[in-house]
N, C-alpha and C. Protein backbone atom coordinates (compact mmCIF):
# COMPACT_ATOMS: atom_id res chain seq x y z
N UNK A 1 29.27 74.46 -98.19
CA UNK A 1 28.82 73.21 -97.60
C UNK A 1 29.61 72.02 -98.16
N UNK A 2 29.80 72.02 -99.51
CA UNK A 2 30.55 70.93 -100.14
C UNK A 2 31.99 70.90 -99.65
N UNK A 3 32.59 72.10 -99.48
CA UNK A 3 33.96 72.19 -98.98
C UNK A 3 34.05 71.62 -97.57
N UNK A 4 33.07 71.93 -96.73
CA UNK A 4 33.06 71.40 -95.36
C UNK A 4 32.92 69.89 -95.36
N UNK A 5 32.09 69.37 -96.27
CA UNK A 5 31.90 67.92 -96.38
C UNK A 5 33.20 67.25 -96.78
N UNK A 6 33.89 67.82 -97.78
CA UNK A 6 35.16 67.25 -98.22
C UNK A 6 36.19 67.25 -97.10
N UNK A 7 36.25 68.36 -96.37
CA UNK A 7 37.21 68.45 -95.28
C UNK A 7 36.92 67.42 -94.20
N UNK A 8 35.63 67.23 -93.88
CA UNK A 8 35.27 66.25 -92.85
C UNK A 8 35.59 64.83 -93.31
N UNK A 9 35.41 64.57 -94.60
CA UNK A 9 35.78 63.25 -95.15
C UNK A 9 37.28 63.05 -95.08
N UNK A 10 38.03 64.09 -95.45
CA UNK A 10 39.49 63.99 -95.48
C UNK A 10 40.09 63.72 -94.11
N UNK A 11 39.51 64.34 -93.06
CA UNK A 11 40.07 64.16 -91.71
C UNK A 11 39.45 62.97 -90.99
N UNK A 12 38.43 62.37 -91.57
CA UNK A 12 37.77 61.24 -90.93
C UNK A 12 38.60 59.96 -91.00
N UNK A 13 38.24 58.99 -90.16
CA UNK A 13 39.02 57.75 -90.09
C UNK A 13 38.85 56.85 -91.32
N UNK A 14 37.85 57.13 -92.17
CA UNK A 14 37.58 56.24 -93.29
C UNK A 14 38.16 56.71 -94.60
N UNK A 15 38.84 57.85 -94.61
CA UNK A 15 39.35 58.40 -95.87
C UNK A 15 40.33 57.44 -96.56
N UNK A 16 41.33 56.99 -95.83
CA UNK A 16 42.33 56.10 -96.43
C UNK A 16 41.78 54.70 -96.69
N UNK A 17 40.99 54.10 -95.77
CA UNK A 17 40.39 52.81 -96.11
C UNK A 17 39.49 52.87 -97.34
N UNK A 18 38.74 53.98 -97.48
CA UNK A 18 37.88 54.13 -98.67
C UNK A 18 38.72 54.24 -99.92
N UNK A 19 39.83 54.96 -99.83
CA UNK A 19 40.74 55.07 -100.97
C UNK A 19 41.29 53.70 -101.35
N UNK A 20 41.69 52.93 -100.35
CA UNK A 20 42.21 51.58 -100.61
C UNK A 20 41.14 50.73 -101.32
N UNK A 21 39.92 50.78 -100.82
CA UNK A 21 38.84 49.97 -101.39
C UNK A 21 38.55 50.36 -102.83
N UNK A 22 38.52 51.64 -103.13
CA UNK A 22 38.25 52.10 -104.49
C UNK A 22 39.34 51.67 -105.46
N UNK A 23 40.60 51.83 -105.06
CA UNK A 23 41.71 51.46 -105.95
C UNK A 23 41.76 49.95 -106.13
N UNK A 24 41.51 49.20 -105.07
CA UNK A 24 41.49 47.74 -105.19
C UNK A 24 40.37 47.30 -106.12
N UNK A 25 39.19 47.87 -105.96
CA UNK A 25 38.05 47.51 -106.83
C UNK A 25 38.33 47.89 -108.28
N UNK A 26 39.06 48.97 -108.49
CA UNK A 26 39.39 49.43 -109.84
C UNK A 26 40.22 48.39 -110.60
N UNK A 27 40.98 47.58 -109.89
CA UNK A 27 41.80 46.56 -110.56
C UNK A 27 40.94 45.49 -111.22
N UNK A 28 39.76 45.24 -110.66
CA UNK A 28 38.89 44.18 -111.16
C UNK A 28 37.71 44.73 -111.96
N UNK A 29 37.14 45.81 -111.48
CA UNK A 29 35.99 46.43 -112.13
C UNK A 29 36.45 47.76 -112.73
N UNK A 30 36.71 47.76 -114.01
CA UNK A 30 37.37 48.92 -114.63
C UNK A 30 36.51 50.18 -114.61
N UNK A 31 35.22 50.05 -114.26
CA UNK A 31 34.36 51.23 -114.19
C UNK A 31 34.53 51.99 -112.89
N UNK A 32 35.21 51.41 -111.91
CA UNK A 32 35.44 52.09 -110.63
C UNK A 32 36.54 53.14 -110.83
N UNK A 33 36.31 54.38 -110.41
CA UNK A 33 37.26 55.46 -110.69
C UNK A 33 38.44 55.52 -109.71
N UNK A 34 39.30 54.53 -109.74
CA UNK A 34 40.44 54.52 -108.82
C UNK A 34 41.39 55.68 -109.03
N UNK A 35 41.68 55.98 -110.31
CA UNK A 35 42.58 57.09 -110.61
C UNK A 35 42.03 58.40 -110.06
N UNK A 36 40.73 58.62 -110.28
CA UNK A 36 40.09 59.85 -109.83
C UNK A 36 40.15 59.96 -108.30
N UNK A 37 39.96 58.85 -107.61
CA UNK A 37 40.00 58.86 -106.15
C UNK A 37 41.38 59.26 -105.64
N UNK A 38 42.43 58.72 -106.26
CA UNK A 38 43.79 59.05 -105.82
C UNK A 38 44.10 60.52 -106.10
N UNK A 39 43.71 60.99 -107.29
CA UNK A 39 43.95 62.39 -107.63
C UNK A 39 43.20 63.33 -106.69
N UNK A 40 41.95 63.00 -106.40
CA UNK A 40 41.16 63.82 -105.48
C UNK A 40 41.78 63.82 -104.08
N UNK A 41 42.25 62.66 -103.64
CA UNK A 41 42.90 62.59 -102.32
C UNK A 41 44.18 63.41 -102.29
N UNK A 42 44.93 63.39 -103.41
CA UNK A 42 46.14 64.21 -103.49
C UNK A 42 45.81 65.69 -103.43
N UNK A 43 44.72 66.08 -104.08
CA UNK A 43 44.29 67.49 -104.04
C UNK A 43 43.89 67.89 -102.63
N UNK A 44 43.16 67.03 -101.94
CA UNK A 44 42.77 67.32 -100.56
C UNK A 44 43.99 67.41 -99.65
N UNK A 45 44.96 66.52 -99.89
CA UNK A 45 46.18 66.53 -99.07
C UNK A 45 46.89 67.87 -99.18
N UNK A 46 46.96 68.41 -100.40
CA UNK A 46 47.64 69.69 -100.59
C UNK A 46 46.80 70.87 -100.12
N UNK A 47 45.48 70.79 -100.34
CA UNK A 47 44.61 71.92 -100.01
C UNK A 47 44.28 72.02 -98.53
N UNK A 48 44.21 70.87 -97.84
CA UNK A 48 43.80 70.88 -96.43
C UNK A 48 44.85 70.30 -95.48
N UNK A 49 45.82 69.59 -96.01
CA UNK A 49 46.83 68.96 -95.16
C UNK A 49 46.46 67.57 -94.71
N UNK A 50 45.25 67.13 -95.02
CA UNK A 50 44.83 65.78 -94.65
C UNK A 50 44.06 65.15 -95.82
N UNK A 51 44.19 63.85 -96.01
CA UNK A 51 45.19 62.97 -95.39
C UNK A 51 46.59 63.33 -95.89
N UNK A 52 47.64 62.94 -95.17
CA UNK A 52 49.00 63.27 -95.61
C UNK A 52 49.28 62.70 -97.00
N UNK A 53 49.97 63.46 -97.82
CA UNK A 53 50.24 63.04 -99.19
C UNK A 53 51.01 61.72 -99.23
N UNK A 54 51.97 61.55 -98.34
CA UNK A 54 52.74 60.30 -98.31
C UNK A 54 51.83 59.11 -98.03
N UNK A 55 50.84 59.31 -97.15
CA UNK A 55 49.90 58.22 -96.85
C UNK A 55 49.01 57.93 -98.05
N UNK A 56 48.60 58.95 -98.78
CA UNK A 56 47.80 58.74 -99.99
C UNK A 56 48.57 57.89 -100.98
N UNK A 57 49.83 58.23 -101.21
CA UNK A 57 50.66 57.48 -102.16
C UNK A 57 50.84 56.04 -101.69
N UNK A 58 51.16 55.88 -100.41
CA UNK A 58 51.42 54.53 -99.88
C UNK A 58 50.18 53.64 -99.96
N UNK A 59 49.03 54.18 -99.56
CA UNK A 59 47.79 53.40 -99.58
C UNK A 59 47.38 53.07 -101.02
N UNK A 60 47.47 54.05 -101.90
CA UNK A 60 47.11 53.81 -103.30
C UNK A 60 48.03 52.79 -103.95
N UNK A 61 49.33 52.89 -103.67
CA UNK A 61 50.29 51.95 -104.24
C UNK A 61 50.02 50.53 -103.74
N UNK A 62 49.77 50.39 -102.43
CA UNK A 62 49.50 49.07 -101.86
C UNK A 62 48.22 48.48 -102.44
N UNK A 63 47.18 49.30 -102.55
CA UNK A 63 45.91 48.81 -103.11
C UNK A 63 46.06 48.42 -104.57
N UNK A 64 46.79 49.23 -105.34
CA UNK A 64 47.01 48.92 -106.76
C UNK A 64 47.78 47.61 -106.90
N UNK A 65 48.81 47.44 -106.07
CA UNK A 65 49.58 46.20 -106.10
C UNK A 65 48.71 45.00 -105.75
N UNK A 66 47.92 45.13 -104.68
CA UNK A 66 47.05 44.01 -104.27
C UNK A 66 46.04 43.66 -105.36
N UNK A 67 45.47 44.68 -106.00
CA UNK A 67 44.51 44.43 -107.06
C UNK A 67 45.13 43.74 -108.25
N UNK A 68 46.31 44.20 -108.66
CA UNK A 68 47.00 43.57 -109.79
C UNK A 68 47.42 42.14 -109.44
N UNK A 69 47.89 41.95 -108.21
CA UNK A 69 48.29 40.60 -107.78
C UNK A 69 47.08 39.66 -107.74
N UNK A 70 45.93 40.19 -107.31
CA UNK A 70 44.71 39.40 -107.30
C UNK A 70 44.35 38.94 -108.71
N UNK A 71 44.41 39.86 -109.67
CA UNK A 71 44.09 39.51 -111.06
C UNK A 71 45.10 38.51 -111.62
N UNK A 72 46.37 38.68 -111.27
CA UNK A 72 47.39 37.73 -111.68
C UNK A 72 47.06 36.34 -111.13
N UNK A 73 46.66 36.30 -109.85
CA UNK A 73 46.30 35.02 -109.24
C UNK A 73 45.09 34.38 -109.89
N UNK A 74 44.09 35.19 -110.23
CA UNK A 74 42.91 34.65 -110.93
C UNK A 74 43.32 34.06 -112.27
N UNK A 75 44.17 34.78 -113.01
CA UNK A 75 44.63 34.27 -114.29
C UNK A 75 45.42 32.98 -114.13
N UNK A 76 46.21 32.89 -113.09
CA UNK A 76 47.05 31.70 -112.88
C UNK A 76 46.20 30.46 -112.55
N UNK A 77 45.14 30.66 -111.78
CA UNK A 77 44.36 29.51 -111.34
C UNK A 77 43.12 29.25 -112.19
N UNK A 78 42.61 30.29 -112.86
CA UNK A 78 41.40 30.10 -113.66
C UNK A 78 41.65 30.21 -115.16
N UNK A 79 42.77 30.78 -115.56
CA UNK A 79 43.05 30.97 -116.97
C UNK A 79 42.27 32.15 -117.54
N UNK A 80 42.22 32.23 -118.86
CA UNK A 80 41.53 33.34 -119.51
C UNK A 80 40.41 32.84 -120.43
N UNK A 81 39.88 31.65 -120.13
CA UNK A 81 38.77 31.12 -120.92
C UNK A 81 37.66 30.55 -120.05
N UNK A 82 37.77 30.68 -118.76
CA UNK A 82 36.86 30.04 -117.82
C UNK A 82 35.43 30.57 -117.92
N UNK A 83 35.28 31.91 -118.02
CA UNK A 83 33.95 32.51 -118.00
C UNK A 83 33.57 33.04 -119.38
N UNK A 84 32.28 33.13 -119.61
CA UNK A 84 31.77 33.53 -120.92
C UNK A 84 32.29 34.87 -121.41
N UNK A 85 32.37 35.87 -120.50
CA UNK A 85 32.83 37.19 -120.93
C UNK A 85 34.24 37.15 -121.48
N UNK A 86 35.03 36.17 -121.04
CA UNK A 86 36.41 36.07 -121.50
C UNK A 86 36.51 35.60 -122.95
N UNK A 87 35.42 34.99 -123.44
CA UNK A 87 35.45 34.45 -124.81
C UNK A 87 34.87 35.41 -125.85
N UNK A 88 34.48 36.59 -125.40
CA UNK A 88 34.00 37.61 -126.34
C UNK A 88 35.14 38.01 -127.28
N UNK A 89 34.82 38.30 -128.53
CA UNK A 89 35.84 38.56 -129.55
C UNK A 89 36.82 39.67 -129.13
N UNK A 90 36.31 40.77 -128.64
CA UNK A 90 37.19 41.88 -128.25
C UNK A 90 38.05 41.54 -127.04
N UNK A 91 37.47 40.79 -126.12
CA UNK A 91 38.23 40.38 -124.93
C UNK A 91 39.35 39.43 -125.34
N UNK A 92 39.02 38.49 -126.24
CA UNK A 92 40.05 37.56 -126.74
C UNK A 92 41.18 38.33 -127.41
N UNK A 93 40.81 39.37 -128.18
CA UNK A 93 41.83 40.18 -128.84
C UNK A 93 42.73 40.88 -127.82
N UNK A 94 42.12 41.34 -126.72
CA UNK A 94 42.91 42.00 -125.67
C UNK A 94 43.86 41.02 -125.01
N UNK A 95 43.40 39.80 -124.77
CA UNK A 95 44.28 38.79 -124.17
C UNK A 95 45.42 38.43 -125.13
N UNK A 96 45.11 38.33 -126.40
CA UNK A 96 46.16 38.03 -127.38
C UNK A 96 47.18 39.15 -127.45
N UNK A 97 46.67 40.39 -127.43
CA UNK A 97 47.58 41.55 -127.43
C UNK A 97 48.49 41.49 -126.20
N UNK A 98 47.90 41.23 -125.03
CA UNK A 98 48.67 41.17 -123.79
C UNK A 98 49.71 40.05 -123.84
N UNK A 99 49.31 38.90 -124.36
CA UNK A 99 50.24 37.77 -124.45
C UNK A 99 51.42 38.09 -125.36
N UNK A 100 51.14 38.74 -126.49
CA UNK A 100 52.22 39.11 -127.42
C UNK A 100 53.18 40.10 -126.77
N UNK A 101 52.64 41.08 -126.05
CA UNK A 101 53.50 42.07 -125.40
C UNK A 101 54.31 41.46 -124.25
N UNK A 102 53.69 40.58 -123.50
CA UNK A 102 54.41 39.94 -122.39
C UNK A 102 55.55 39.07 -122.89
N UNK A 103 55.38 38.47 -124.05
CA UNK A 103 56.44 37.62 -124.59
C UNK A 103 57.65 38.44 -125.02
N UNK A 104 57.45 39.74 -125.29
CA UNK A 104 58.56 40.60 -125.71
C UNK A 104 59.28 41.22 -124.52
N UNK A 105 58.58 41.42 -123.42
CA UNK A 105 59.20 42.04 -122.25
C UNK A 105 58.14 42.43 -121.24
N UNK A 106 58.35 42.04 -120.01
CA UNK A 106 57.34 42.24 -118.98
C UNK A 106 57.23 43.69 -118.53
N UNK A 107 58.35 44.32 -118.24
CA UNK A 107 58.33 45.63 -117.59
C UNK A 107 57.61 46.68 -118.44
N UNK A 108 57.90 46.72 -119.72
CA UNK A 108 57.31 47.76 -120.56
C UNK A 108 55.79 47.65 -120.59
N UNK A 109 55.28 46.46 -120.79
CA UNK A 109 53.82 46.30 -120.88
C UNK A 109 53.15 46.51 -119.53
N UNK A 110 53.79 46.12 -118.45
CA UNK A 110 53.20 46.33 -117.12
C UNK A 110 53.10 47.82 -116.81
N UNK A 111 54.17 48.57 -117.09
CA UNK A 111 54.13 50.01 -116.82
C UNK A 111 53.13 50.72 -117.73
N UNK A 112 53.08 50.32 -119.00
CA UNK A 112 52.13 50.94 -119.92
C UNK A 112 50.70 50.63 -119.51
N UNK A 113 50.42 49.37 -119.24
CA UNK A 113 49.06 48.93 -118.92
C UNK A 113 48.56 49.49 -117.60
N UNK A 114 49.45 49.82 -116.68
CA UNK A 114 49.04 50.36 -115.38
C UNK A 114 48.22 51.63 -115.52
N UNK A 115 48.44 52.35 -116.63
CA UNK A 115 47.73 53.61 -116.84
C UNK A 115 46.51 53.46 -117.74
N UNK A 116 46.21 52.22 -118.20
CA UNK A 116 45.07 52.00 -119.09
C UNK A 116 44.21 50.90 -118.46
N UNK A 117 43.04 51.26 -117.91
CA UNK A 117 42.28 50.32 -117.07
C UNK A 117 42.07 48.92 -117.66
N UNK A 118 41.47 48.77 -118.85
CA UNK A 118 41.20 47.41 -119.31
C UNK A 118 42.47 46.70 -119.74
N UNK A 119 43.43 47.44 -120.28
CA UNK A 119 44.71 46.83 -120.64
C UNK A 119 45.37 46.24 -119.39
N UNK A 120 45.26 46.96 -118.29
CA UNK A 120 45.83 46.48 -117.02
C UNK A 120 45.22 45.15 -116.62
N UNK A 121 43.91 45.05 -116.71
CA UNK A 121 43.22 43.81 -116.36
C UNK A 121 43.66 42.68 -117.29
N UNK A 122 43.70 42.94 -118.59
CA UNK A 122 44.09 41.92 -119.57
C UNK A 122 45.51 41.45 -119.34
N UNK A 123 46.42 42.38 -119.07
CA UNK A 123 47.82 42.01 -118.86
C UNK A 123 47.99 41.17 -117.60
N UNK A 124 47.33 41.57 -116.52
CA UNK A 124 47.48 40.82 -115.27
C UNK A 124 46.90 39.42 -115.38
N UNK A 125 45.71 39.29 -115.96
CA UNK A 125 45.12 37.96 -116.14
C UNK A 125 45.97 37.10 -117.06
N UNK A 126 46.45 37.67 -118.15
CA UNK A 126 47.25 36.91 -119.12
C UNK A 126 48.59 36.50 -118.52
N UNK A 127 49.19 37.39 -117.74
CA UNK A 127 50.46 37.05 -117.09
C UNK A 127 50.30 35.85 -116.18
N UNK A 128 49.20 35.81 -115.44
CA UNK A 128 48.95 34.65 -114.59
C UNK A 128 48.68 33.40 -115.40
N UNK A 129 47.86 33.53 -116.44
CA UNK A 129 47.49 32.38 -117.25
C UNK A 129 48.67 31.79 -118.00
N UNK A 130 49.61 32.63 -118.42
CA UNK A 130 50.77 32.15 -119.17
C UNK A 130 51.95 31.82 -118.27
N UNK A 131 51.71 31.85 -116.98
CA UNK A 131 52.71 31.44 -115.99
C UNK A 131 53.99 32.28 -116.03
N UNK A 132 53.83 33.59 -116.23
CA UNK A 132 54.99 34.47 -116.04
C UNK A 132 55.43 34.29 -114.59
N UNK A 133 56.73 34.07 -114.32
CA UNK A 133 57.17 33.80 -112.95
C UNK A 133 56.68 34.86 -111.96
N UNK A 134 56.06 34.40 -110.88
CA UNK A 134 55.41 35.29 -109.94
C UNK A 134 56.36 36.30 -109.32
N UNK A 135 57.53 35.87 -108.88
CA UNK A 135 58.45 36.78 -108.19
C UNK A 135 58.86 37.93 -109.12
N UNK A 136 59.22 37.59 -110.34
CA UNK A 136 59.64 38.63 -111.30
C UNK A 136 58.47 39.54 -111.65
N UNK A 137 57.31 38.94 -111.91
CA UNK A 137 56.17 39.73 -112.35
C UNK A 137 55.68 40.65 -111.24
N UNK A 138 55.51 40.10 -110.04
CA UNK A 138 54.96 40.91 -108.95
C UNK A 138 55.93 41.98 -108.48
N UNK A 139 57.23 41.74 -108.64
CA UNK A 139 58.20 42.79 -108.34
C UNK A 139 58.03 43.97 -109.29
N UNK A 140 57.83 43.67 -110.57
CA UNK A 140 57.60 44.72 -111.56
C UNK A 140 56.29 45.43 -111.29
N UNK A 141 55.26 44.67 -110.92
CA UNK A 141 53.95 45.24 -110.60
C UNK A 141 54.06 46.21 -109.41
N UNK A 142 54.85 45.86 -108.41
CA UNK A 142 55.01 46.72 -107.23
C UNK A 142 55.61 48.06 -107.61
N UNK A 143 56.64 48.04 -108.47
CA UNK A 143 57.27 49.28 -108.89
C UNK A 143 56.29 50.12 -109.74
N UNK A 144 55.58 49.45 -110.65
CA UNK A 144 54.62 50.16 -111.51
C UNK A 144 53.47 50.74 -110.68
N UNK A 145 52.99 50.01 -109.71
CA UNK A 145 51.90 50.50 -108.86
C UNK A 145 52.34 51.72 -108.06
N UNK A 146 53.57 51.71 -107.57
CA UNK A 146 54.08 52.85 -106.81
C UNK A 146 54.23 54.07 -107.71
N UNK A 147 54.76 53.86 -108.92
CA UNK A 147 54.92 54.98 -109.86
C UNK A 147 53.56 55.56 -110.23
N UNK A 148 52.57 54.69 -110.45
CA UNK A 148 51.22 55.14 -110.79
C UNK A 148 50.60 55.94 -109.65
N UNK A 149 50.72 55.42 -108.43
CA UNK A 149 50.14 56.11 -107.27
C UNK A 149 50.80 57.47 -107.06
N UNK A 150 52.11 57.52 -107.21
CA UNK A 150 52.83 58.78 -107.05
C UNK A 150 52.39 59.79 -108.10
N UNK A 151 52.29 59.33 -109.34
CA UNK A 151 51.86 60.22 -110.42
C UNK A 151 50.46 60.78 -110.17
N UNK A 152 49.51 59.89 -109.87
CA UNK A 152 48.13 60.34 -109.67
C UNK A 152 48.01 61.29 -108.48
N UNK A 153 48.68 60.97 -107.39
CA UNK A 153 48.59 61.81 -106.20
C UNK A 153 49.26 63.17 -106.42
N UNK A 154 50.39 63.17 -107.11
CA UNK A 154 51.11 64.43 -107.34
C UNK A 154 50.32 65.34 -108.29
N UNK A 155 49.64 64.76 -109.27
CA UNK A 155 48.77 65.58 -110.14
C UNK A 155 47.73 66.30 -109.28
N UNK A 156 47.08 65.56 -108.39
CA UNK A 156 46.10 66.18 -107.50
C UNK A 156 46.72 67.19 -106.57
N UNK A 157 47.89 66.85 -106.02
CA UNK A 157 48.55 67.76 -105.08
C UNK A 157 48.99 69.05 -105.77
N UNK A 158 49.40 68.95 -107.02
CA UNK A 158 49.81 70.15 -107.76
C UNK A 158 48.63 71.11 -107.90
N UNK A 159 47.46 70.57 -108.22
CA UNK A 159 46.26 71.40 -108.33
C UNK A 159 45.86 71.93 -106.96
N UNK A 160 45.88 71.07 -105.96
CA UNK A 160 45.53 71.49 -104.60
C UNK A 160 46.46 72.57 -104.07
N UNK A 161 47.75 72.49 -104.46
CA UNK A 161 48.70 73.51 -104.04
C UNK A 161 48.42 74.87 -104.66
N UNK A 162 47.83 74.86 -105.85
CA UNK A 162 47.47 76.12 -106.52
C UNK A 162 46.19 76.72 -105.94
N UNK A 163 45.38 75.87 -105.29
CA UNK A 163 44.10 76.33 -104.73
C UNK A 163 43.99 75.93 -103.26
N UNK A 164 44.92 76.38 -102.42
CA UNK A 164 44.97 75.89 -101.04
C UNK A 164 43.75 76.25 -100.18
N UNK A 165 43.07 77.34 -100.50
CA UNK A 165 41.93 77.74 -99.68
C UNK A 165 40.60 77.25 -100.21
N UNK A 166 40.64 76.46 -101.27
CA UNK A 166 39.40 76.01 -101.91
C UNK A 166 39.45 74.50 -102.17
N UNK A 167 39.28 73.69 -101.12
CA UNK A 167 39.40 72.24 -101.31
C UNK A 167 38.39 71.68 -102.30
N UNK A 168 37.16 72.21 -102.31
CA UNK A 168 36.16 71.69 -103.25
C UNK A 168 36.56 71.97 -104.68
N UNK A 169 37.00 73.19 -104.95
CA UNK A 169 37.45 73.55 -106.30
C UNK A 169 38.69 72.76 -106.68
N UNK A 170 39.60 72.57 -105.73
CA UNK A 170 40.82 71.80 -106.00
C UNK A 170 40.49 70.38 -106.41
N UNK A 171 39.53 69.77 -105.73
CA UNK A 171 39.13 68.40 -106.07
C UNK A 171 38.51 68.35 -107.47
N UNK A 172 37.59 69.28 -107.75
CA UNK A 172 36.93 69.30 -109.06
C UNK A 172 37.93 69.51 -110.18
N UNK A 173 38.83 70.50 -110.02
CA UNK A 173 39.83 70.78 -111.06
C UNK A 173 40.79 69.61 -111.20
N UNK A 174 41.22 69.01 -110.08
CA UNK A 174 42.16 67.89 -110.16
C UNK A 174 41.54 66.69 -110.87
N UNK A 175 40.25 66.46 -110.65
CA UNK A 175 39.57 65.37 -111.34
C UNK A 175 39.51 65.65 -112.84
N UNK A 176 39.20 66.89 -113.21
CA UNK A 176 39.18 67.25 -114.63
C UNK A 176 40.55 67.06 -115.27
N UNK A 177 41.60 67.50 -114.56
CA UNK A 177 42.96 67.34 -115.08
C UNK A 177 43.31 65.87 -115.21
N UNK A 178 42.94 65.06 -114.22
CA UNK A 178 43.23 63.63 -114.27
C UNK A 178 42.54 62.96 -115.45
N UNK A 179 41.29 63.34 -115.72
CA UNK A 179 40.56 62.75 -116.84
C UNK A 179 41.22 63.14 -118.16
N UNK A 180 41.59 64.41 -118.30
CA UNK A 180 42.25 64.86 -119.53
C UNK A 180 43.58 64.14 -119.73
N UNK A 181 44.37 64.04 -118.66
CA UNK A 181 45.64 63.33 -118.76
C UNK A 181 45.42 61.85 -119.08
N UNK A 182 44.39 61.25 -118.47
CA UNK A 182 44.11 59.85 -118.72
C UNK A 182 43.74 59.59 -120.17
N UNK A 183 42.89 60.45 -120.73
CA UNK A 183 42.50 60.30 -122.13
C UNK A 183 43.72 60.47 -123.04
N UNK A 184 44.57 61.45 -122.70
CA UNK A 184 45.78 61.69 -123.50
C UNK A 184 46.72 60.49 -123.45
N UNK A 185 46.92 59.94 -122.25
CA UNK A 185 47.79 58.77 -122.10
C UNK A 185 47.21 57.57 -122.85
N UNK A 186 45.89 57.36 -122.73
CA UNK A 186 45.25 56.26 -123.45
C UNK A 186 45.47 56.37 -124.95
N UNK A 187 45.29 57.59 -125.49
CA UNK A 187 45.45 57.80 -126.92
C UNK A 187 46.90 57.57 -127.35
N UNK A 188 47.84 58.09 -126.55
CA UNK A 188 49.26 57.93 -126.87
C UNK A 188 49.67 56.46 -126.80
N UNK A 189 49.18 55.75 -125.78
CA UNK A 189 49.51 54.33 -125.64
C UNK A 189 48.92 53.51 -126.79
N UNK A 190 47.70 53.84 -127.19
CA UNK A 190 47.07 53.12 -128.30
C UNK A 190 47.85 53.34 -129.59
N UNK A 191 48.29 54.57 -129.81
CA UNK A 191 49.07 54.86 -131.02
C UNK A 191 50.41 54.14 -130.98
N UNK A 192 51.06 54.14 -129.81
CA UNK A 192 52.36 53.49 -129.66
C UNK A 192 52.26 51.98 -129.87
N UNK A 193 51.25 51.37 -129.24
CA UNK A 193 51.10 49.91 -129.40
C UNK A 193 50.70 49.55 -130.81
N UNK A 194 49.93 50.43 -131.48
CA UNK A 194 49.56 50.19 -132.88
C UNK A 194 50.79 50.18 -133.76
N UNK A 195 51.71 51.10 -133.51
CA UNK A 195 52.96 51.12 -134.29
C UNK A 195 53.82 49.91 -134.02
N UNK A 196 53.85 49.50 -132.73
CA UNK A 196 54.68 48.33 -132.37
C UNK A 196 54.15 47.06 -133.01
N UNK A 197 52.83 46.98 -133.22
CA UNK A 197 52.25 45.74 -133.76
C UNK A 197 52.39 45.62 -135.27
N UNK A 198 52.80 46.71 -135.96
CA UNK A 198 52.96 46.65 -137.41
C UNK A 198 54.22 45.93 -137.80
């Protein structure tokens, strides 16, 4: 029954719009599982043929870019001190970290932060608030968003390709793999940034 439900969702007209909405929301609300949605869609693409993998990548990349650009715009027009949550000690530390990294080089921090939900939000808001030139910044964001979407979708597609007759199992396994990879990347990035800050 679950497999039939997944297949009907995958072939339905709302699969890609729902994916876009989840990834866009993930840019602002870090609790939204945008990565998981892209990986699951990639698994369905490989296991069932729908939605097409290229469409999953394109929609996820566009949504990720729009979300990051939205946060950049909020930072540019509202700054990083406007609302109370922004003045919390840990949030301030994240903004300071983002500002220090952006001053050393935009591309490295944008690509690194794209894979770490709250770091991504902090970097995008700080980039806007510190007036990093929009054309240069958003060009880098577009490339990073595309690389992220391709990575997430291919992880799902790789699992889906191994389990072509079991879309439900492919989705469950791909989500587990995505979570494990995400935790590993978060830990590696935290260790790397810790060394860079010494």
